[in-house]
């Protein structure tokens, strides 16, 4: 899943070679417009916005935690805070 900036024949061919479904909206100047699953693309946008909100927390963005388990705990904590808002 990607946005329109990745709508090139090379990227689409690479994704299809992996056996994955291409969920990249076609640019307006393409002669043949690709049909995509809008719900799946909308979910991609929600995930992207969630990671953007995670990055607003300075402790996560700069990775001040010493261990991977404490970093994961902080991700869980911040995710719960975002979900409760």
Protein backbone atom coordinates (compact mmCIF):
# COMPACT_ATOMS: atom_id res chain seq x y z
CA UNK A 1 0.00 0.00 0.00
CA UNK A 2 1.35 3.38 -0.94
CA UNK A 3 0.24 6.76 -2.13
CA UNK A 4 0.18 8.13 -5.68
CA UNK A 5 3.86 9.07 -5.60
CA UNK A 6 4.73 5.36 -5.91
CA UNK A 7 2.56 4.79 -8.97
CA UNK A 8 5.29 3.66 -11.36
CA UNK A 9 5.41 0.57 -13.52
CA UNK A 10 8.59 -0.61 -11.77
CA UNK A 11 7.05 -0.44 -8.28
CA UNK A 12 3.82 -2.10 -9.40
CA UNK A 13 5.77 -4.90 -11.15
CA UNK A 14 7.93 -5.46 -8.05
CA UNK A 15 4.87 -5.73 -5.80
CA UNK A 16 3.11 -8.11 -8.16
CA UNK A 17 6.29 -10.21 -8.44
CA UNK A 18 6.11 -10.74 -4.69
CA UNK A 19 2.55 -12.00 -5.07
CA UNK A 20 1.04 -9.09 -3.18
CA UNK A 21 -2.00 -7.02 -4.06
CA UNK A 22 -1.23 -3.55 -5.40
CA UNK A 23 -3.14 -0.88 -3.47
CA UNK A 24 -1.71 2.26 -5.04
CA UNK A 25 -4.10 4.79 -6.56
CA UNK A 26 -3.35 5.65 -10.17
CA UNK A 27 -2.11 9.09 -11.12
CA UNK A 28 -4.46 11.19 -13.21
CA UNK A 29 -2.17 11.05 -16.23
CA UNK A 30 -2.26 7.22 -16.49
CA UNK A 31 -4.06 5.97 -19.58
CA UNK A 32 -5.43 2.88 -17.82
CA UNK A 33 -6.66 3.62 -14.31
CA UNK A 34 -6.19 0.79 -11.79
CA UNK A 35 -9.12 -0.26 -9.61
CA UNK A 36 -8.16 -0.38 -5.93
CA UNK A 37 -9.88 -1.40 -2.73
CA UNK A 38 -10.80 1.97 -1.18
CA UNK A 39 -11.46 0.46 2.26
CA UNK A 40 -7.98 -1.06 2.35
CA UNK A 41 -6.44 2.22 1.24
CA UNK A 42 -8.40 4.07 3.95
CA UNK A 43 -7.04 1.65 6.56
CA UNK A 44 -3.51 2.44 5.34
CA UNK A 45 -4.21 6.12 5.93
CA UNK A 46 -5.40 5.41 9.47
CA UNK A 47 -2.22 3.47 10.25
CA UNK A 48 -0.09 6.26 8.82
CA UNK A 49 -1.88 8.85 10.96
CA UNK A 50 -1.47 6.65 14.05
CA UNK A 51 2.31 6.46 13.57
CA UNK A 52 2.36 10.21 13.07
CA UNK A 53 0.64 10.66 16.43
CA UNK A 54 3.08 8.23 18.07
CA UNK A 55 5.99 10.35 16.84
CA UNK A 56 4.59 13.37 18.68
CA UNK A 57 5.68 11.80 21.96
CA UNK A 58 9.28 12.88 22.42
CA UNK A 59 10.30 9.86 24.44
CA UNK A 60 9.31 7.54 21.60
CA UNK A 61 10.72 9.70 18.82
CA UNK A 62 14.18 9.94 20.40
CA UNK A 63 14.28 6.37 21.85
CA UNK A 64 15.62 7.22 25.31
CA UNK A 65 14.69 3.77 26.65
CA UNK A 66 17.60 1.46 27.43
CA UNK A 67 15.96 -1.89 26.68
CA UNK A 68 13.65 -3.15 23.97
CA UNK A 69 11.08 -4.30 26.52
CA UNK A 70 10.81 -0.85 28.12
CA UNK A 71 10.50 0.71 24.65
CA UNK A 72 7.69 -1.72 23.78
CA UNK A 73 5.98 -0.96 27.09
CA UNK A 74 6.12 2.74 26.27
CA UNK A 75 4.61 2.09 22.83
CA UNK A 76 1.76 0.17 24.48
CA UNK A 77 1.22 2.95 27.01
CA UNK A 78 1.18 5.73 24.41
CA UNK A 79 -1.07 3.66 22.14
CA UNK A 80 -3.56 3.30 24.98
CA UNK A 81 -3.44 7.06 25.59
CA UNK A 82 -4.13 7.77 21.94
CA UNK A 83 -6.94 5.22 21.84
CA UNK A 84 -8.59 6.78 24.91
CA UNK A 85 -8.62 10.27 23.42
